[in-house]
Amino acid sequence: MVHKTFFTLILLLVSFSAFAEIYKWVDEQGKTHYGDKPAENAQQMDVDIEAKGHINTGQRREDKRKKLIDAYAEDRAREAEEKKKKKEKRAKNQHKCTVAKDRLGRYERARYLYDFDSNGSRIVVPDTVREKSTEALRQQVKKYCK
């Protein structure tokens, strides 16, 4: 019986605190303060909280969830696009690597490199040009065959 009386008394005290008022004021520096007692020399204004209407948290929560899902979908789509581009770039680089290795091998095995003049007849490429071409191919192999 004592426990029931004590419990009822606690419930009454808690319910009275639910009717407590909260005060808001702005000081001289422009800072906003809140408290359970009004500020000195403060202008009083009653605000009807119930008149503002009910907040539909279910709809807001649903909107936030939808935005989050959309953001995840955009991220996945962007990542898939980036992955596709990387795969295409790797395939292109692989092809360039194969071509460069093949050409480098032929340049290194050949005794002479030939080029064609304006008449269509073959001319031997000088050794300096051959070395530059071979070095350029080595750089291509290094670049594309990672």
N, C-alpha and C. Protein backbone atom coordinates (compact mmCIF):
# COMPACT_ATOMS: atom_id res chain seq x y z
N MET A 1 0.82 -1.20 0.00
CA MET A 1 0.00 0.00 0.00
C MET A 1 0.87 1.26 0.00
N VAL A 2 1.95 1.21 0.75
CA VAL A 2 2.85 2.35 0.83
C VAL A 2 3.48 2.60 -0.55
N HIS A 3 3.80 1.52 -1.25
CA HIS A 3 4.40 1.65 -2.57
C HIS A 3 3.44 2.30 -3.56
N LYS A 4 2.17 1.95 -3.47
CA LYS A 4 1.18 2.55 -4.38
C LYS A 4 1.04 4.04 -4.12
N THR A 5 1.02 4.43 -2.86
CA THR A 5 0.90 5.84 -2.51
C THR A 5 2.14 6.61 -2.98
N PHE A 6 3.29 6.04 -2.73
CA PHE A 6 4.54 6.68 -3.15
C PHE A 6 4.59 6.81 -4.68
N PHE A 7 4.20 5.78 -5.38
CA PHE A 7 4.18 5.79 -6.84
C PHE A 7 3.21 6.85 -7.37
N THR A 8 2.05 6.97 -6.75
CA THR A 8 1.06 7.97 -7.16
C THR A 8 1.60 9.38 -6.92
N LEU A 9 2.26 9.59 -5.80
CA LEU A 9 2.84 10.89 -5.49
C LEU A 9 3.92 11.26 -6.51
N ILE A 10 4.75 10.32 -6.89
CA ILE A 10 5.79 10.57 -7.90
C ILE A 10 5.15 10.94 -9.23
N LEU A 11 4.12 10.22 -9.63
CA LEU A 11 3.43 10.52 -10.88
C LEU A 11 2.85 11.94 -10.87
N LEU A 12 2.28 12.35 -9.75
CA LEU A 12 1.73 13.70 -9.65
C LEU A 12 2.82 14.76 -9.79
N LEU A 13 3.95 14.54 -9.14
CA LEU A 13 5.05 15.51 -9.22
C LEU A 13 5.60 15.60 -10.63
N VAL A 14 5.73 14.47 -11.29
CA VAL A 14 6.24 14.47 -12.65
C VAL A 14 5.25 15.16 -13.58
N SER A 15 3.98 14.95 -13.38
CA SER A 15 2.99 15.57 -14.27
C SER A 15 2.96 17.09 -14.09
N PHE A 16 3.24 17.59 -12.88
CA PHE A 16 3.27 19.04 -12.68
C PHE A 16 4.44 19.67 -13.44
N SER A 17 5.55 18.95 -13.52
CA SER A 17 6.69 19.51 -14.24
C SER A 17 6.41 19.57 -15.74
N ALA A 18 5.46 18.80 -16.20
CA ALA A 18 5.11 18.85 -17.62
C ALA A 18 4.41 20.15 -17.96
N PHE A 19 3.82 20.80 -16.99
CA PHE A 19 3.14 22.07 -17.23
C PHE A 19 4.07 23.27 -17.00
N ALA A 20 5.32 23.04 -16.72
CA ALA A 20 6.26 24.13 -16.49
C ALA A 20 6.46 24.90 -17.79
N GLU A 21 6.69 26.20 -17.64
CA GLU A 21 6.88 27.04 -18.81
C GLU A 21 8.37 27.20 -19.10
N ILE A 22 8.67 27.39 -20.34
CA ILE A 22 10.04 27.62 -20.77
C ILE A 22 10.11 29.03 -21.34
N TYR A 23 11.14 29.76 -20.93
CA TYR A 23 11.29 31.15 -21.37
C TYR A 23 12.50 31.27 -22.29
N LYS A 24 12.36 32.18 -23.22
CA LYS A 24 13.43 32.43 -24.18
C LYS A 24 13.69 33.93 -24.19
N TRP A 25 14.98 34.32 -24.19
CA TRP A 25 15.31 35.72 -24.28
C TRP A 25 16.65 35.90 -24.99
N VAL A 26 16.85 37.10 -25.48
CA VAL A 26 18.09 37.45 -26.18
C VAL A 26 18.78 38.52 -25.36
N ASP A 27 20.07 38.31 -25.04
CA ASP A 27 20.80 39.28 -24.23
C ASP A 27 21.34 40.42 -25.09
N GLU A 28 22.10 41.32 -24.45
CA GLU A 28 22.62 42.50 -25.14
C GLU A 28 23.58 42.14 -26.28
N GLN A 29 24.28 41.02 -26.15
CA GLN A 29 25.21 40.60 -27.19
C GLN A 29 24.52 39.85 -28.34
N GLY A 30 23.23 39.65 -28.23
CA GLY A 30 22.49 38.98 -29.29
C GLY A 30 22.42 37.48 -29.14
N LYS A 31 22.86 36.94 -28.01
CA LYS A 31 22.81 35.50 -27.79
C LYS A 31 21.44 35.10 -27.24
N THR A 32 20.94 33.99 -27.73
CA THR A 32 19.64 33.50 -27.30
C THR A 32 19.83 32.57 -26.11
N HIS A 33 18.99 32.75 -25.09
CA HIS A 33 19.04 31.93 -23.88
C HIS A 33 17.66 31.33 -23.63
N TYR A 34 17.66 30.18 -22.94
CA TYR A 34 16.42 29.52 -22.55
C TYR A 34 16.51 29.24 -21.06
N GLY A 35 15.37 29.27 -20.39
CA GLY A 35 15.37 28.98 -18.97
C GLY A 35 13.96 28.73 -18.46
N ASP A 36 13.88 28.34 -17.17
CA ASP A 36 12.56 28.08 -16.58
C ASP A 36 12.01 29.29 -15.84
N LYS A 37 12.80 30.38 -15.80
CA LYS A 37 12.35 31.62 -15.17
C LYS A 37 12.51 32.75 -16.18
N PRO A 38 11.61 33.70 -16.18
CA PRO A 38 11.74 34.80 -17.14
C PRO A 38 12.93 35.70 -16.79
N ALA A 39 13.52 36.32 -17.79
CA ALA A 39 14.64 37.22 -17.58
C ALA A 39 14.13 38.54 -17.02
N GLU A 40 15.00 39.23 -16.28
CA GLU A 40 14.63 40.54 -15.74
C GLU A 40 14.50 41.54 -16.88
N ASN A 41 13.59 42.47 -16.75
CA ASN A 41 13.35 43.51 -17.75
C ASN A 41 13.09 42.93 -19.14
N ALA A 42 12.43 41.81 -19.19
CA ALA A 42 12.16 41.17 -20.47
C ALA A 42 10.71 41.40 -20.86
N GLN A 43 10.49 41.56 -22.14
CA GLN A 43 9.14 41.72 -22.65
C GLN A 43 8.53 40.33 -22.78
N GLN A 44 7.31 40.17 -22.31
CA GLN A 44 6.69 38.86 -22.30
C GLN A 44 5.75 38.71 -23.49
N MET A 45 5.77 37.51 -24.07
CA MET A 45 4.90 37.23 -25.20
C MET A 45 4.49 35.77 -25.11
N ASP A 46 3.20 35.51 -25.11
CA ASP A 46 2.72 34.13 -25.04
C ASP A 46 2.69 33.52 -26.43
N VAL A 47 3.13 32.29 -26.50
CA VAL A 47 3.13 31.56 -27.77
C VAL A 47 2.27 30.32 -27.59
N ASP A 48 1.31 30.14 -28.47
CA ASP A 48 0.44 28.97 -28.41
C ASP A 48 1.09 27.87 -29.24
N ILE A 49 1.69 26.92 -28.56
CA ILE A 49 2.42 25.86 -29.24
C ILE A 49 1.48 24.95 -30.01
N GLU A 50 0.33 24.69 -29.48
CA GLU A 50 -0.62 23.79 -30.12
C GLU A 50 -1.14 24.37 -31.44
N ALA A 51 -1.14 25.68 -31.58
CA ALA A 51 -1.68 26.30 -32.79
C ALA A 51 -0.78 26.07 -34.00
N LYS A 52 0.46 25.72 -33.79
CA LYS A 52 1.38 25.53 -34.90
C LYS A 52 1.10 24.27 -35.70
N GLY A 53 0.35 23.36 -35.15
CA GLY A 53 0.02 22.15 -35.88
C GLY A 53 0.94 21.01 -35.51
N HIS A 54 0.62 19.89 -36.04
CA HIS A 54 1.38 18.68 -35.73
C HIS A 54 2.45 18.45 -36.79
N ILE A 55 3.55 17.96 -36.35
CA ILE A 55 4.64 17.65 -37.26
C ILE A 55 4.46 16.20 -37.71
N ASN A 56 4.48 16.01 -38.99
CA ASN A 56 4.32 14.67 -39.53
C ASN A 56 5.70 14.03 -39.65
N THR A 57 6.15 13.43 -38.56
CA THR A 57 7.49 12.84 -38.57
C THR A 57 7.56 11.63 -39.47
N GLY A 58 6.47 10.94 -39.64
CA GLY A 58 6.46 9.77 -40.51
C GLY A 58 6.78 10.15 -41.94
N GLN A 59 6.19 11.23 -42.42
CA GLN A 59 6.44 11.67 -43.79
C GLN A 59 7.87 12.19 -43.94
N ARG A 60 8.34 12.96 -42.95
CA ARG A 60 9.71 13.47 -43.01
C ARG A 60 10.71 12.32 -42.99
N ARG A 61 10.44 11.35 -42.15
CA ARG A 61 11.32 10.19 -42.06
C ARG A 61 11.33 9.43 -43.39
N GLU A 62 10.15 9.30 -43.99
CA GLU A 62 10.05 8.63 -45.30
C GLU A 62 10.81 9.41 -46.37
N ASP A 63 10.70 10.74 -46.34
CA ASP A 63 11.42 11.58 -47.31
C ASP A 63 12.93 11.42 -47.14
N LYS A 64 13.39 11.44 -45.89
CA LYS A 64 14.82 11.28 -45.63
C LYS A 64 15.31 9.91 -46.09
N ARG A 65 14.50 8.88 -45.82
CA ARG A 65 14.86 7.53 -46.23
C ARG A 65 14.96 7.44 -47.75
N LYS A 66 14.00 8.07 -48.44
CA LYS A 66 14.00 8.05 -49.91
C LYS A 66 15.23 8.80 -50.45
N LYS A 67 15.56 9.95 -49.85
CA LYS A 67 16.74 10.69 -50.29
C LYS A 67 18.01 9.86 -50.08
N LEU A 68 18.08 9.17 -48.95
CA LEU A 68 19.24 8.34 -48.66
C LEU A 68 19.36 7.19 -49.66
N ILE A 69 18.24 6.56 -49.96
CA ILE A 69 18.24 5.47 -50.94
C ILE A 69 18.65 6.00 -52.31
N ASP A 70 18.12 7.17 -52.68
CA ASP A 70 18.49 7.77 -53.97
C ASP A 70 19.99 8.10 -54.02
N ALA A 71 20.51 8.61 -52.91
CA ALA A 71 21.94 8.94 -52.86
C ALA A 71 22.79 7.67 -53.01
N TYR A 72 22.38 6.59 -52.34
CA TYR A 72 23.10 5.33 -52.48
C TYR A 72 23.03 4.82 -53.92
N ALA A 73 21.86 4.94 -54.54
CA ALA A 73 21.71 4.49 -55.93
C ALA A 73 22.61 5.31 -56.86
N GLU A 74 22.67 6.62 -56.64
CA GLU A 74 23.55 7.47 -57.45
C GLU A 74 25.01 7.08 -57.26
N ASP A 75 25.40 6.80 -56.01
CA ASP A 75 26.78 6.39 -55.74
C ASP A 75 27.11 5.08 -56.45
N ARG A 76 26.18 4.12 -56.36
CA ARG A 76 26.42 2.84 -57.03
C ARG A 76 26.52 3.02 -58.54
N ALA A 77 25.65 3.86 -59.11
CA ALA A 77 25.68 4.09 -60.56
C ALA A 77 27.00 4.77 -60.96
N ARG A 78 27.43 5.75 -60.17
CA ARG A 78 28.69 6.44 -60.46
C ARG A 78 29.87 5.48 -60.35
N GLU A 79 29.88 4.64 -59.31
CA GLU A 79 30.96 3.68 -59.15
C GLU A 79 30.97 2.66 -60.29
N ALA A 80 29.78 2.23 -60.73
CA ALA A 80 29.71 1.29 -61.85
C ALA A 80 30.25 1.93 -63.12
N GLU A 81 29.92 3.21 -63.33
CA GLU A 81 30.40 3.93 -64.51
C GLU A 81 31.92 4.07 -64.46
N GLU A 82 32.45 4.41 -63.28
CA GLU A 82 33.91 4.53 -63.13
C GLU A 82 34.60 3.19 -63.37
N LYS A 83 33.99 2.13 -62.85
CA LYS A 83 34.56 0.79 -63.04
C LYS A 83 34.56 0.42 -64.52
N LYS A 84 33.48 0.76 -65.22
CA LYS A 84 33.39 0.47 -66.65
C LYS A 84 34.46 1.24 -67.42
N LYS A 85 34.65 2.52 -67.07
CA LYS A 85 35.67 3.33 -67.75
C LYS A 85 37.07 2.78 -67.49
N LYS A 86 37.34 2.37 -66.25
CA LYS A 86 38.65 1.79 -65.93
C LYS A 86 38.88 0.51 -66.71
N LYS A 87 37.83 -0.31 -66.83
CA LYS A 87 37.96 -1.56 -67.57
C LYS A 87 38.24 -1.28 -69.05
N GLU A 88 37.53 -0.30 -69.62
CA GLU A 88 37.77 0.07 -71.02
C GLU A 88 39.19 0.60 -71.21
N LYS A 89 39.64 1.43 -70.26
CA LYS A 89 40.99 1.99 -70.36
C LYS A 89 42.04 0.88 -70.26
N ARG A 90 41.80 -0.09 -69.35
CA ARG A 90 42.73 -1.21 -69.24
C ARG A 90 42.79 -2.01 -70.53
N ALA A 91 41.63 -2.22 -71.16
CA ALA A 91 41.60 -2.96 -72.43
C ALA A 91 42.36 -2.21 -73.52
N LYS A 92 42.16 -0.89 -73.59
CA LYS A 92 42.89 -0.08 -74.58
C LYS A 92 44.39 -0.12 -74.31
N ASN A 93 44.75 0.02 -73.04
CA ASN A 93 46.17 -0.02 -72.69
C ASN A 93 46.78 -1.39 -72.99
N GLN A 94 46.00 -2.45 -72.76
CA GLN A 94 46.49 -3.79 -73.06
C GLN A 94 46.76 -3.94 -74.55
N HIS A 95 45.85 -3.41 -75.36
CA HIS A 95 46.05 -3.46 -76.82
C HIS A 95 47.28 -2.65 -77.22
N LYS A 96 47.41 -1.44 -76.67
CA LYS A 96 48.57 -0.60 -76.99
C LYS A 96 49.86 -1.28 -76.52
N CYS A 97 49.80 -1.97 -75.39
CA CYS A 97 50.96 -2.69 -74.87
C CYS A 97 51.38 -3.79 -75.84
N THR A 98 50.41 -4.55 -76.30
CA THR A 98 50.71 -5.65 -77.23
C THR A 98 51.33 -5.12 -78.52
N VAL A 99 50.74 -4.05 -79.05
CA VAL A 99 51.25 -3.46 -80.30
C VAL A 99 52.66 -2.93 -80.09
N ALA A 100 52.89 -2.22 -78.97
CA ALA A 100 54.21 -1.63 -78.71
C ALA A 100 55.27 -2.72 -78.51
N LYS A 101 54.92 -3.80 -77.78
CA LYS A 101 55.88 -4.89 -77.57
C LYS A 101 56.23 -5.56 -78.90
N ASP A 102 55.20 -5.79 -79.71
CA ASP A 102 55.43 -6.43 -81.01
C ASP A 102 56.34 -5.57 -81.89
N ARG A 103 56.03 -4.29 -81.97
CA ARG A 103 56.82 -3.39 -82.81
C ARG A 103 58.25 -3.26 -82.27
N LEU A 104 58.39 -3.18 -80.93
CA LEU A 104 59.73 -3.09 -80.33
C LEU A 104 60.55 -4.34 -80.65
N GLY A 105 59.92 -5.49 -80.55
CA GLY A 105 60.62 -6.73 -80.88
C GLY A 105 61.08 -6.74 -82.33
N ARG A 106 60.23 -6.28 -83.24
CA ARG A 106 60.61 -6.23 -84.65
C ARG A 106 61.73 -5.22 -84.88
N TYR A 107 61.68 -4.07 -84.21
CA TYR A 107 62.74 -3.06 -84.36
C TYR A 107 64.07 -3.61 -83.88
N GLU A 108 64.04 -4.33 -82.74
CA GLU A 108 65.28 -4.85 -82.17
C GLU A 108 65.85 -6.02 -82.98
N ARG A 109 65.00 -6.81 -83.61
CA ARG A 109 65.48 -7.95 -84.41
C ARG A 109 65.95 -7.53 -85.81
N ALA A 110 65.44 -6.43 -86.31
CA ALA A 110 65.76 -6.02 -87.69
C ALA A 110 67.18 -5.47 -87.76
N ARG A 111 67.83 -5.75 -88.89
CA ARG A 111 69.18 -5.21 -89.10
C ARG A 111 69.09 -3.74 -89.49
N TYR A 112 68.08 -3.44 -90.29
CA TYR A 112 67.88 -2.06 -90.75
C TYR A 112 66.39 -1.73 -90.65
N LEU A 113 66.12 -0.45 -90.42
CA LEU A 113 64.74 0.03 -90.49
C LEU A 113 64.60 0.79 -91.79
N TYR A 114 63.48 0.57 -92.45
CA TYR A 114 63.23 1.21 -93.73
C TYR A 114 62.07 2.19 -93.60
N ASP A 115 62.10 3.19 -94.41
CA ASP A 115 61.00 4.14 -94.52
C ASP A 115 60.79 4.37 -96.01
N PHE A 116 59.71 4.99 -96.37
CA PHE A 116 59.43 5.24 -97.79
C PHE A 116 59.54 6.73 -98.08
N ASP A 117 60.14 7.05 -99.21
CA ASP A 117 60.23 8.46 -99.60
C ASP A 117 58.99 8.83 -100.41
N SER A 118 59.00 10.04 -100.95
CA SER A 118 57.83 10.54 -101.69
C SER A 118 57.58 9.76 -102.98
N ASN A 119 58.57 9.12 -103.53
CA ASN A 119 58.42 8.32 -104.76
C ASN A 119 57.93 6.91 -104.46
N GLY A 120 57.93 6.53 -103.18
CA GLY A 120 57.50 5.19 -102.81
C GLY A 120 58.63 4.19 -102.72
N SER A 121 59.84 4.64 -102.88
CA SER A 121 60.97 3.71 -102.78
C SER A 121 61.48 3.68 -101.33
N ARG A 122 62.02 2.51 -100.93
CA ARG A 122 62.50 2.34 -99.56
C ARG A 122 63.85 3.00 -99.37
N ILE A 123 63.97 3.64 -98.18
CA ILE A 123 65.26 4.22 -97.80
C ILE A 123 65.60 3.72 -96.40
N VAL A 124 66.86 3.53 -96.11
CA VAL A 124 67.30 3.05 -94.81
C VAL A 124 67.27 4.22 -93.82
N VAL A 125 66.69 3.95 -92.64
CA VAL A 125 66.60 4.97 -91.59
C VAL A 125 67.95 5.05 -90.89
N PRO A 126 68.48 6.26 -90.65
CA PRO A 126 69.77 6.39 -89.95
C PRO A 126 69.70 5.81 -88.53
N ASP A 127 70.86 5.43 -88.00
CA ASP A 127 70.92 4.80 -86.67
C ASP A 127 70.40 5.72 -85.57
N THR A 128 70.64 7.02 -85.67
CA THR A 128 70.16 7.95 -84.64
C THR A 128 68.63 7.96 -84.59
N VAL A 129 68.00 7.96 -85.76
CA VAL A 129 66.54 7.94 -85.81
C VAL A 129 66.03 6.59 -85.31
N ARG A 130 66.74 5.53 -85.67
CA ARG A 130 66.35 4.19 -85.21
C ARG A 130 66.40 4.12 -83.68
N GLU A 131 67.46 4.64 -83.07
CA GLU A 131 67.59 4.62 -81.60
C GLU A 131 66.46 5.43 -80.95
N LYS A 132 66.15 6.58 -81.51
CA LYS A 132 65.06 7.40 -80.97
C LYS A 132 63.73 6.66 -81.06
N SER A 133 63.49 6.01 -82.19
CA SER A 133 62.24 5.26 -82.37
C SER A 133 62.17 4.09 -81.41
N THR A 134 63.29 3.39 -81.25
CA THR A 134 63.33 2.24 -80.33
C THR A 134 63.11 2.70 -78.90
N GLU A 135 63.73 3.80 -78.51
CA GLU A 135 63.55 4.33 -77.15
C GLU A 135 62.10 4.77 -76.93
N ALA A 136 61.50 5.38 -77.94
CA ALA A 136 60.09 5.78 -77.84
C ALA A 136 59.20 4.56 -77.64
N LEU A 137 59.49 3.48 -78.33
CA LEU A 137 58.72 2.24 -78.15
C LEU A 137 58.92 1.65 -76.76
N ARG A 138 60.15 1.72 -76.25
CA ARG A 138 60.41 1.24 -74.88
C ARG A 138 59.58 2.04 -73.87
N GLN A 139 59.50 3.34 -74.08
CA GLN A 139 58.69 4.19 -73.19
C GLN A 139 57.21 3.83 -73.29
N GLN A 140 56.74 3.53 -74.49
CA GLN A 140 55.34 3.11 -74.65
C GLN A 140 55.08 1.79 -73.93
N VAL A 141 56.02 0.85 -74.05
CA VAL A 141 55.88 -0.43 -73.35
C VAL A 141 55.84 -0.18 -71.85
N LYS A 142 56.71 0.68 -71.37
CA LYS A 142 56.75 1.00 -69.94
C LYS A 142 55.44 1.65 -69.49
N LYS A 143 54.89 2.51 -70.33
CA LYS A 143 53.66 3.23 -69.99
C LYS A 143 52.43 2.32 -70.02
N TYR A 144 52.28 1.53 -71.06
CA TYR A 144 51.05 0.76 -71.25
C TYR A 144 51.08 -0.64 -70.66
N CYS A 145 52.25 -1.17 -70.36
CA CYS A 145 52.36 -2.55 -69.86
C CYS A 145 52.64 -2.56 -68.36
N LYS A 146 51.86 -1.88 -67.60
CA LYS A 146 52.05 -1.82 -66.14
C LYS A 146 51.53 -3.07 -65.48
